[in-house]
N, C-alpha and C. Protein backbone atom coordinates (compact mmCIF):
# COMPACT_ATOMS: atom_id res chain seq x y z
N UNK A 1 88.94 122.95 123.33
CA UNK A 1 90.31 123.10 123.56
C UNK A 1 90.99 121.71 123.30
N UNK A 2 92.09 121.79 122.55
CA UNK A 2 92.82 120.54 122.24
C UNK A 2 93.98 120.43 123.15
N UNK A 3 94.11 119.31 123.82
CA UNK A 3 95.25 119.10 124.66
C UNK A 3 96.32 118.33 123.91
N UNK A 4 97.53 118.76 124.12
CA UNK A 4 98.63 118.08 123.47
C UNK A 4 99.08 116.95 124.39
N UNK A 5 98.97 115.76 123.84
CA UNK A 5 99.36 114.58 124.62
C UNK A 5 100.83 114.47 124.78
N UNK A 6 101.26 113.53 125.56
CA UNK A 6 102.70 113.39 125.83
C UNK A 6 103.52 113.13 124.56
N UNK A 7 102.95 112.41 123.56
CA UNK A 7 103.75 112.11 122.37
C UNK A 7 103.96 113.40 121.56
N UNK A 8 102.93 114.21 121.43
CA UNK A 8 103.08 115.51 120.67
C UNK A 8 104.05 116.43 121.39
N UNK A 9 103.87 116.53 122.72
CA UNK A 9 104.76 117.37 123.47
C UNK A 9 106.22 116.92 123.36
N UNK A 10 106.42 115.63 123.46
CA UNK A 10 107.78 115.07 123.35
C UNK A 10 108.38 115.32 122.00
N UNK A 11 107.53 115.15 120.92
CA UNK A 11 108.03 115.38 119.55
C UNK A 11 108.38 116.87 119.39
N UNK A 12 107.51 117.72 119.89
CA UNK A 12 107.73 119.17 119.75
C UNK A 12 109.01 119.53 120.45
N UNK A 13 109.20 119.07 121.70
CA UNK A 13 110.33 119.36 122.50
C UNK A 13 111.58 118.80 121.76
N UNK A 14 111.53 117.57 121.23
CA UNK A 14 112.68 117.00 120.53
C UNK A 14 113.04 117.80 119.33
N UNK A 15 112.13 118.25 118.49
CA UNK A 15 112.40 118.93 117.26
C UNK A 15 112.86 120.38 117.51
N UNK A 16 112.19 121.05 118.40
CA UNK A 16 112.49 122.49 118.53
C UNK A 16 113.53 122.86 119.55
N UNK A 17 114.11 121.85 120.19
CA UNK A 17 115.24 122.15 121.07
C UNK A 17 116.54 121.72 120.43
N UNK A 18 116.50 121.20 119.19
CA UNK A 18 117.69 120.80 118.47
C UNK A 18 118.27 121.95 117.71
N UNK A 19 119.55 122.03 117.53
CA UNK A 19 120.13 123.05 116.71
C UNK A 19 119.92 122.72 115.27
N UNK A 20 119.97 123.71 114.36
CA UNK A 20 119.79 123.41 112.94
C UNK A 20 120.82 122.44 112.42
N UNK A 21 121.94 122.27 113.12
CA UNK A 21 122.97 121.37 112.71
C UNK A 21 122.68 119.90 113.09
N UNK A 22 121.74 119.69 113.95
CA UNK A 22 121.43 118.37 114.41
C UNK A 22 120.90 117.59 113.21
N UNK A 23 121.35 116.35 113.07
CA UNK A 23 121.00 115.56 111.93
C UNK A 23 119.54 115.24 111.74
N UNK A 24 118.78 115.35 112.80
CA UNK A 24 117.33 115.12 112.66
C UNK A 24 116.51 116.35 112.83
N UNK A 25 117.09 117.49 112.80
CA UNK A 25 116.35 118.73 112.75
C UNK A 25 115.56 118.82 111.49
N UNK A 26 114.25 118.63 111.53
CA UNK A 26 113.44 118.53 110.37
C UNK A 26 113.88 117.42 109.44
N UNK A 27 114.72 116.51 109.91
CA UNK A 27 114.99 115.30 109.21
C UNK A 27 116.13 115.33 108.20
N UNK A 28 116.62 116.50 107.72
CA UNK A 28 117.51 116.45 106.61
C UNK A 28 118.83 117.17 106.75
N UNK A 29 119.00 118.09 107.63
CA UNK A 29 120.23 118.85 107.70
C UNK A 29 121.42 118.00 108.13
N UNK A 30 122.58 118.45 107.75
CA UNK A 30 123.81 117.76 108.14
C UNK A 30 124.08 117.94 109.61
N UNK A 31 124.79 117.00 110.18
CA UNK A 31 125.18 117.14 111.58
C UNK A 31 126.27 118.27 111.62
N UNK A 32 126.44 118.81 112.79
CA UNK A 32 127.42 119.90 112.95
C UNK A 32 128.85 119.41 112.57
N UNK A 33 129.18 118.18 112.93
CA UNK A 33 130.52 117.66 112.60
C UNK A 33 130.72 117.53 111.12
N UNK A 34 129.67 117.05 110.41
CA UNK A 34 129.79 116.90 108.97
C UNK A 34 129.78 118.24 108.28
N UNK A 35 128.99 119.19 108.80
CA UNK A 35 129.00 120.52 108.25
C UNK A 35 130.37 121.20 108.42
N UNK A 36 131.00 120.96 109.56
CA UNK A 36 132.36 121.47 109.79
C UNK A 36 133.35 120.95 108.76
N UNK A 37 133.18 119.65 108.37
CA UNK A 37 134.03 119.06 107.40
C UNK A 37 133.83 119.77 106.06
N UNK A 38 132.57 120.05 105.72
CA UNK A 38 132.27 120.77 104.48
C UNK A 38 132.95 122.15 104.46
N UNK A 39 132.87 122.83 105.64
CA UNK A 39 133.52 124.17 105.75
C UNK A 39 135.03 124.01 105.56
N UNK A 40 135.67 123.01 106.14
CA UNK A 40 137.07 122.83 105.98
C UNK A 40 137.47 122.57 104.53
N UNK A 41 136.67 121.76 103.83
CA UNK A 41 136.88 121.52 102.42
C UNK A 41 136.85 122.82 101.63
N UNK A 42 135.85 123.68 101.95
CA UNK A 42 135.72 124.95 101.29
C UNK A 42 136.95 125.81 101.54
N UNK A 43 137.39 125.85 102.78
CA UNK A 43 138.55 126.67 103.13
C UNK A 43 139.84 126.24 102.42
N UNK A 44 140.06 124.94 102.35
CA UNK A 44 141.19 124.39 101.64
C UNK A 44 141.06 124.70 100.14
N UNK A 45 139.83 124.57 99.63
CA UNK A 45 139.55 124.96 98.23
C UNK A 45 139.83 126.41 97.95
N UNK A 46 139.42 127.25 98.89
CA UNK A 46 139.65 128.70 98.72
C UNK A 46 141.13 129.07 98.69
N UNK A 47 141.90 128.39 99.53
CA UNK A 47 143.34 128.62 99.56
C UNK A 47 143.97 128.22 98.20
N UNK A 48 143.59 127.03 97.72
CA UNK A 48 144.07 126.56 96.42
C UNK A 48 143.61 127.50 95.27
N UNK A 49 142.39 127.99 95.41
CA UNK A 49 141.87 128.87 94.36
C UNK A 49 142.67 130.17 94.28
N UNK A 50 142.96 130.72 95.50
CA UNK A 50 143.73 131.96 95.55
C UNK A 50 145.15 131.77 94.96
N UNK A 51 145.68 130.56 95.07
CA UNK A 51 146.97 130.18 94.53
C UNK A 51 146.89 129.82 93.06
N UNK A 52 145.70 129.93 92.47
CA UNK A 52 145.44 129.60 91.06
C UNK A 52 145.67 128.13 90.79
N UNK A 53 145.49 127.29 91.83
CA UNK A 53 145.54 125.84 91.64
C UNK A 53 144.12 125.33 91.47
N UNK A 54 143.56 125.65 90.29
CA UNK A 54 142.15 125.44 90.07
C UNK A 54 141.70 123.98 90.11
N UNK A 55 142.56 123.06 89.64
CA UNK A 55 142.23 121.66 89.68
C UNK A 55 142.09 121.19 91.14
N UNK A 56 143.03 121.59 91.94
CA UNK A 56 142.99 121.18 93.39
C UNK A 56 141.82 121.84 94.09
N UNK A 57 141.53 123.09 93.78
CA UNK A 57 140.44 123.78 94.37
C UNK A 57 139.12 123.11 93.96
N UNK A 58 139.00 122.78 92.73
CA UNK A 58 137.77 122.11 92.24
C UNK A 58 137.59 120.76 92.98
N UNK A 59 138.65 120.07 93.15
CA UNK A 59 138.62 118.78 93.87
C UNK A 59 138.09 118.96 95.30
N UNK A 60 138.56 119.98 96.01
CA UNK A 60 138.11 120.24 97.36
C UNK A 60 136.62 120.69 97.37
N UNK A 61 136.28 121.58 96.47
CA UNK A 61 134.85 122.00 96.44
C UNK A 61 133.93 120.81 96.13
N UNK A 62 134.32 119.99 95.19
CA UNK A 62 133.44 118.83 94.88
C UNK A 62 133.40 117.83 96.00
N UNK A 63 134.51 117.77 96.77
CA UNK A 63 134.50 116.90 97.99
C UNK A 63 133.52 117.45 98.98
N UNK A 64 133.50 118.78 99.16
CA UNK A 64 132.57 119.39 100.06
C UNK A 64 131.09 119.16 99.60
N UNK A 65 130.87 119.25 98.28
CA UNK A 65 129.55 119.00 97.71
C UNK A 65 129.12 117.59 98.01
N UNK A 66 130.06 116.65 97.85
CA UNK A 66 129.81 115.21 98.02
C UNK A 66 129.44 114.92 99.47
N UNK A 67 129.91 115.69 100.44
CA UNK A 67 129.59 115.47 101.86
C UNK A 67 128.09 115.66 102.10
N UNK A 68 127.46 116.54 101.30
CA UNK A 68 126.04 116.73 101.46
C UNK A 68 125.27 115.50 101.01
N UNK A 69 125.75 114.81 100.00
CA UNK A 69 125.03 113.68 99.46
C UNK A 69 123.67 114.19 98.92
N UNK A 70 122.64 113.49 99.21
CA UNK A 70 121.30 113.93 98.79
C UNK A 70 120.57 114.66 99.92
N UNK A 71 121.28 114.92 100.97
CA UNK A 71 120.68 115.61 102.14
C UNK A 71 120.78 117.12 102.02
N UNK A 72 119.66 117.77 102.05
CA UNK A 72 119.66 119.21 102.12
C UNK A 72 118.39 119.63 102.87
N UNK A 73 118.60 120.13 104.06
CA UNK A 73 117.49 120.52 104.85
C UNK A 73 117.16 121.99 104.63
N UNK A 74 116.44 122.53 105.60
CA UNK A 74 115.96 123.93 105.44
C UNK A 74 116.91 124.95 106.05
N UNK A 75 118.07 124.54 106.55
CA UNK A 75 118.98 125.46 107.13
C UNK A 75 119.55 126.38 106.04
N UNK A 76 119.26 127.67 106.15
CA UNK A 76 119.70 128.58 105.11
C UNK A 76 121.23 128.68 105.06
N UNK A 77 121.92 128.53 106.15
CA UNK A 77 123.37 128.56 106.10
C UNK A 77 123.95 127.40 105.32
N UNK A 78 123.32 126.24 105.45
CA UNK A 78 123.81 125.08 104.69
C UNK A 78 123.49 125.23 103.19
N UNK A 79 122.28 125.76 102.89
CA UNK A 79 121.97 125.96 101.45
C UNK A 79 122.92 127.05 100.86
N UNK A 80 123.22 128.05 101.59
CA UNK A 80 124.15 129.09 101.10
C UNK A 80 125.51 128.52 100.95
N UNK A 81 125.96 127.68 101.82
CA UNK A 81 127.29 127.06 101.71
C UNK A 81 127.35 126.16 100.51
N UNK A 82 126.28 125.35 100.27
CA UNK A 82 126.27 124.46 99.11
C UNK A 82 126.22 125.27 97.82
N UNK A 83 125.48 126.39 97.81
CA UNK A 83 125.44 127.26 96.62
C UNK A 83 126.83 127.78 96.38
N UNK A 84 127.51 128.23 97.46
CA UNK A 84 128.90 128.77 97.33
C UNK A 84 129.82 127.73 96.71
N UNK A 85 129.75 126.50 97.17
CA UNK A 85 130.62 125.43 96.69
C UNK A 85 130.38 125.20 95.19
N UNK A 86 129.11 125.20 94.80
CA UNK A 86 128.78 125.03 93.37
C UNK A 86 129.28 126.24 92.56
N UNK A 87 129.10 127.41 93.10
CA UNK A 87 129.57 128.63 92.44
C UNK A 87 131.04 128.64 92.22
N UNK A 88 131.81 128.35 93.25
CA UNK A 88 133.27 128.31 93.15
C UNK A 88 133.71 127.15 92.19
N UNK A 89 133.03 126.04 92.20
CA UNK A 89 133.33 124.99 91.29
C UNK A 89 133.14 125.43 89.86
N UNK A 90 132.08 126.19 89.64
CA UNK A 90 131.84 126.72 88.27
C UNK A 90 132.93 127.63 87.83
N UNK A 91 133.44 128.46 88.72
CA UNK A 91 134.51 129.40 88.41
C UNK A 91 135.78 128.60 88.05
N UNK A 92 136.05 127.58 88.86
CA UNK A 92 137.22 126.72 88.56
C UNK A 92 137.10 126.06 87.19
N UNK A 93 135.91 125.58 86.89
CA UNK A 93 135.67 124.94 85.59
C UNK A 93 135.87 125.89 84.43
N UNK A 94 135.48 127.19 84.62
CA UNK A 94 135.70 128.20 83.56
C UNK A 94 137.19 128.40 83.40
N UNK A 95 137.90 128.50 84.49
CA UNK A 95 139.37 128.71 84.46
C UNK A 95 140.07 127.53 83.77
N UNK A 96 139.50 126.34 83.98
CA UNK A 96 140.06 125.08 83.43
C UNK A 96 139.51 124.80 82.00
N UNK A 97 138.62 125.68 81.56
CA UNK A 97 137.98 125.51 80.19
C UNK A 97 137.14 124.25 80.13
N UNK A 98 136.52 123.88 81.25
CA UNK A 98 135.58 122.73 81.29
C UNK A 98 134.19 123.37 81.24
N UNK A 99 133.80 123.80 80.06
CA UNK A 99 132.64 124.64 79.90
C UNK A 99 131.34 123.95 80.33
N UNK A 100 131.09 122.70 79.93
CA UNK A 100 129.87 122.04 80.29
C UNK A 100 129.70 121.85 81.76
N UNK A 101 130.78 121.48 82.43
CA UNK A 101 130.69 121.29 83.91
C UNK A 101 130.50 122.62 84.59
N UNK A 102 131.08 123.68 84.06
CA UNK A 102 130.87 125.02 84.61
C UNK A 102 129.41 125.38 84.55
N UNK A 103 128.73 125.12 83.46
CA UNK A 103 127.31 125.39 83.26
C UNK A 103 126.51 124.59 84.30
N UNK A 104 126.83 123.34 84.47
CA UNK A 104 126.10 122.51 85.42
C UNK A 104 126.25 123.03 86.82
N UNK A 105 127.46 123.35 87.25
CA UNK A 105 127.65 123.88 88.60
C UNK A 105 126.95 125.22 88.79
N UNK A 106 126.99 126.09 87.80
CA UNK A 106 126.33 127.40 87.90
C UNK A 106 124.83 127.22 88.01
N UNK A 107 124.27 126.32 87.20
CA UNK A 107 122.83 126.08 87.25
C UNK A 107 122.41 125.57 88.68
N UNK A 108 123.23 124.68 89.20
CA UNK A 108 122.88 124.15 90.57
C UNK A 108 122.98 125.26 91.61
N UNK A 109 124.00 126.10 91.54
CA UNK A 109 124.13 127.21 92.48
C UNK A 109 122.96 128.16 92.43
N UNK A 110 122.52 128.43 91.18
CA UNK A 110 121.40 129.34 90.99
C UNK A 110 120.12 128.72 91.55
N UNK A 111 119.97 127.41 91.36
CA UNK A 111 118.75 126.73 91.87
C UNK A 111 118.70 126.75 93.40
N UNK A 112 119.88 126.74 94.02
CA UNK A 112 119.91 126.77 95.49
C UNK A 112 119.79 128.11 96.08
N UNK A 113 120.27 129.11 95.33
CA UNK A 113 120.29 130.52 95.85
C UNK A 113 119.98 131.44 94.67
N UNK A 114 118.69 131.69 94.50
CA UNK A 114 118.26 132.45 93.33
C UNK A 114 118.93 133.80 93.25
N UNK A 115 119.05 134.27 92.00
CA UNK A 115 119.62 135.58 91.67
C UNK A 115 121.04 135.76 92.15
N UNK A 116 121.82 134.74 91.92
CA UNK A 116 123.27 134.88 92.16
C UNK A 116 123.84 135.48 90.89
N UNK A 117 124.05 136.79 90.92
CA UNK A 117 124.55 137.52 89.73
C UNK A 117 125.85 136.93 89.22
N UNK A 118 126.70 136.61 90.12
CA UNK A 118 128.02 136.08 89.71
C UNK A 118 127.82 134.73 88.96
N UNK A 119 126.90 133.88 89.42
CA UNK A 119 126.72 132.61 88.75
C UNK A 119 126.10 132.79 87.35
N UNK A 120 125.25 133.78 87.22
CA UNK A 120 124.68 134.02 85.89
C UNK A 120 125.77 134.49 84.92
N UNK A 121 126.71 135.33 85.43
CA UNK A 121 127.82 135.77 84.64
C UNK A 121 128.75 134.59 84.32
N UNK A 122 129.01 133.73 85.26
CA UNK A 122 129.88 132.54 85.03
C UNK A 122 129.25 131.65 84.03
N UNK A 123 127.92 131.41 84.12
CA UNK A 123 127.22 130.58 83.21
C UNK A 123 127.33 131.15 81.75
N UNK A 124 127.21 132.45 81.64
CA UNK A 124 127.32 133.05 80.33
C UNK A 124 128.73 132.93 79.78
N UNK A 125 129.70 133.07 80.65
CA UNK A 125 131.12 132.90 80.21
C UNK A 125 131.36 131.52 79.70
N UNK A 126 130.78 130.51 80.41
CA UNK A 126 130.96 129.13 79.98
C UNK A 126 130.24 128.89 78.65
N UNK A 127 129.06 129.44 78.47
CA UNK A 127 128.38 129.32 77.19
C UNK A 127 129.16 129.95 76.04
N UNK A 128 129.76 131.13 76.30
CA UNK A 128 130.61 131.73 75.28
C UNK A 128 131.86 130.85 74.99
N UNK A 129 132.43 130.30 76.04
CA UNK A 129 133.62 129.41 75.87
C UNK A 129 133.23 128.19 75.03
N UNK A 130 132.02 127.67 75.32
CA UNK A 130 131.52 126.51 74.52
C UNK A 130 131.32 126.92 73.08
N UNK A 131 130.80 128.14 72.84
CA UNK A 131 130.58 128.65 71.52
C UNK A 131 131.93 128.81 70.75
N UNK A 132 132.96 129.20 71.44
CA UNK A 132 134.26 129.37 70.80
C UNK A 132 134.84 128.09 70.32
N UNK A 133 134.43 126.98 70.84
CA UNK A 133 134.94 125.64 70.40
C UNK A 133 134.11 125.09 69.25
N UNK A 134 133.02 125.75 68.87
CA UNK A 134 132.20 125.28 67.79
C UNK A 134 132.64 125.88 66.47
N UNK A 135 132.35 125.20 65.37
CA UNK A 135 132.69 125.74 64.06
C UNK A 135 131.42 126.09 63.28
N UNK A 136 130.28 125.56 63.69
CA UNK A 136 129.04 125.82 63.02
C UNK A 136 128.47 127.16 63.55
N UNK A 137 128.27 128.10 62.62
CA UNK A 137 127.84 129.47 63.03
C UNK A 137 126.42 129.42 63.68
N UNK A 138 125.61 128.49 63.26
CA UNK A 138 124.24 128.41 63.83
C UNK A 138 124.33 127.96 65.28
N UNK A 139 125.18 127.00 65.58
CA UNK A 139 125.42 126.56 66.95
C UNK A 139 126.03 127.65 67.81
N UNK A 140 126.97 128.36 67.19
CA UNK A 140 127.60 129.48 67.93
C UNK A 140 126.55 130.53 68.30
N UNK A 141 125.74 130.85 67.30
CA UNK A 141 124.65 131.84 67.56
C UNK A 141 123.73 131.40 68.65
N UNK A 142 123.30 130.16 68.63
CA UNK A 142 122.42 129.63 69.70
C UNK A 142 123.03 129.75 71.06
N UNK A 143 124.28 129.44 71.19
CA UNK A 143 124.96 129.51 72.50
C UNK A 143 125.15 130.93 72.93
N UNK A 144 125.47 131.84 72.01
CA UNK A 144 125.60 133.23 72.36
C UNK A 144 124.23 133.84 72.78
N UNK A 145 123.19 133.49 72.10
CA UNK A 145 121.84 133.99 72.46
C UNK A 145 121.50 133.49 73.86
N UNK A 146 121.82 132.22 74.17
CA UNK A 146 121.55 131.70 75.50
C UNK A 146 122.37 132.41 76.55
N UNK A 147 123.62 132.73 76.23
CA UNK A 147 124.50 133.48 77.14
C UNK A 147 123.92 134.85 77.43
N UNK A 148 123.41 135.53 76.40
CA UNK A 148 122.82 136.85 76.56
C UNK A 148 121.55 136.76 77.43
N UNK A 149 120.75 135.72 77.17
CA UNK A 149 119.56 135.54 77.97
C UNK A 149 119.87 135.36 79.46
N UNK A 150 120.92 134.61 79.75
CA UNK A 150 121.32 134.43 81.15
C UNK A 150 121.77 135.71 81.77
N UNK A 151 122.49 136.52 81.01
CA UNK A 151 122.95 137.82 81.51
C UNK A 151 121.75 138.78 81.78
N UNK A 152 120.74 138.66 80.94
CA UNK A 152 119.53 139.53 81.13
C UNK A 152 118.78 139.20 82.42
N UNK A 153 119.00 138.02 83.00
CA UNK A 153 118.38 137.67 84.26
C UNK A 153 118.98 138.41 85.43
N UNK A 154 120.09 139.00 85.26
CA UNK A 154 120.72 139.78 86.37
C UNK A 154 119.91 141.04 86.66
N UNK A 155 119.41 141.18 87.90
CA UNK A 155 118.67 142.38 88.21
C UNK A 155 119.58 143.62 88.09
N UNK A 156 119.12 144.66 87.61
CA UNK A 156 119.88 145.92 87.46
C UNK A 156 121.23 145.64 86.73
N UNK A 157 121.12 144.99 85.59
CA UNK A 157 122.30 144.59 84.84
C UNK A 157 123.26 145.77 84.56
N UNK A 158 122.68 146.90 84.21
CA UNK A 158 123.55 148.05 83.82
C UNK A 158 124.38 148.58 85.01
N UNK A 159 123.95 148.24 86.24
CA UNK A 159 124.69 148.64 87.43
C UNK A 159 125.75 147.64 87.86
N UNK A 160 125.74 146.48 87.23
CA UNK A 160 126.70 145.44 87.58
C UNK A 160 127.76 145.49 86.47
N UNK A 161 128.83 146.31 86.67
CA UNK A 161 129.80 146.70 85.68
C UNK A 161 130.35 145.59 84.81
N UNK A 162 130.97 144.55 85.40
CA UNK A 162 131.56 143.46 84.62
C UNK A 162 130.56 142.75 83.79
N UNK A 163 129.40 142.46 84.33
CA UNK A 163 128.36 141.72 83.62
C UNK A 163 127.82 142.55 82.50
N UNK A 164 127.68 143.86 82.73
CA UNK A 164 127.12 144.71 81.67
C UNK A 164 128.12 144.82 80.50
N UNK A 165 129.40 144.93 80.80
CA UNK A 165 130.39 144.96 79.74
C UNK A 165 130.40 143.66 78.96
N UNK A 166 130.23 142.55 79.66
CA UNK A 166 130.21 141.25 79.02
C UNK A 166 128.93 141.12 78.18
N UNK A 167 127.84 141.65 78.67
CA UNK A 167 126.58 141.65 77.97
C UNK A 167 126.73 142.38 76.61
N UNK A 168 127.36 143.53 76.66
CA UNK A 168 127.58 144.33 75.44
C UNK A 168 128.44 143.56 74.42
N UNK A 169 129.51 142.88 74.97
CA UNK A 169 130.39 142.11 74.13
C UNK A 169 129.67 140.95 73.47
N UNK A 170 128.83 140.26 74.22
CA UNK A 170 128.06 139.12 73.70
C UNK A 170 127.07 139.62 72.66
N UNK A 171 126.42 140.73 72.95
CA UNK A 171 125.46 141.33 72.01
C UNK A 171 126.19 141.64 70.64
N UNK A 172 127.36 142.23 70.75
CA UNK A 172 128.11 142.55 69.54
C UNK A 172 128.48 141.31 68.75
N UNK A 173 128.91 140.22 69.48
CA UNK A 173 129.24 138.97 68.79
C UNK A 173 128.03 138.31 68.15
N UNK A 174 126.88 138.45 68.78
CA UNK A 174 125.63 137.91 68.18
C UNK A 174 125.38 138.56 66.83
N UNK A 175 125.52 139.86 66.80
CA UNK A 175 125.28 140.65 65.57
C UNK A 175 126.32 140.23 64.50
N UNK A 176 127.52 140.02 64.89
CA UNK A 176 128.59 139.62 63.99
C UNK A 176 128.33 138.22 63.39
N UNK A 177 127.87 137.28 64.23
CA UNK A 177 127.57 135.93 63.76
C UNK A 177 126.33 135.95 62.87
N UNK A 178 125.34 136.75 63.22
CA UNK A 178 124.15 136.88 62.35
C UNK A 178 124.55 137.34 60.94
N UNK A 179 125.46 138.29 60.89
CA UNK A 179 125.93 138.81 59.60
C UNK A 179 126.64 137.72 58.85
N UNK A 180 127.48 136.95 59.52
CA UNK A 180 128.19 135.85 58.91
C UNK A 180 127.20 134.81 58.34
N UNK A 181 126.17 134.52 59.07
CA UNK A 181 125.16 133.52 58.65
C UNK A 181 124.43 134.04 57.42
N UNK A 182 124.09 135.35 57.46
CA UNK A 182 123.40 135.95 56.26
C UNK A 182 124.27 135.90 55.04
N UNK A 183 125.55 136.19 55.23
CA UNK A 183 126.50 136.17 54.09
C UNK A 183 126.70 134.75 53.53
N UNK A 184 126.65 133.75 54.42
CA UNK A 184 126.78 132.35 54.01
C UNK A 184 125.62 131.97 53.10
N UNK A 185 124.44 132.47 53.46
CA UNK A 185 123.22 132.14 52.73
C UNK A 185 123.11 132.87 51.41
N UNK A 186 123.85 133.95 51.22
CA UNK A 186 123.75 134.76 49.99
C UNK A 186 124.51 134.20 48.85
């Protein structure tokens, strides 16, 4: 039988009696006060977003993201919140036609919270937006194929109406660009 000495008992008591918001709960989560600041930034961002003030909303969301710094613990509510901030930032960037930043935000949101259908759709929209700014058909094709691949990652794509319609549109454009490339080579 192994006896737990006073140091182990004290450490156990210290760690497991703390709330997930305590800054030393498993060492990495934000304090409750700092997490509340993140929530306020999100709320202000959401109000700006609803008013179609995308630049202001993006500013608030990125401020909320910055509050995390490099700290991200195992609290699922904090990971979900951070994924939300990245997701909403991606939407703002699409609205502002900042395609590359939208892709970066969407990728981060997906890495934090797998299978975010909306983020996969947003990433595809940003890739298509980036393709629209290109003049080289080969580059356009590569971006559209990547957009289609991201849409295919959505589970039950055919049941997700907007994404499925977008998938069909992207597929059609891929075929159109392939035809253009073949005609250029002829």
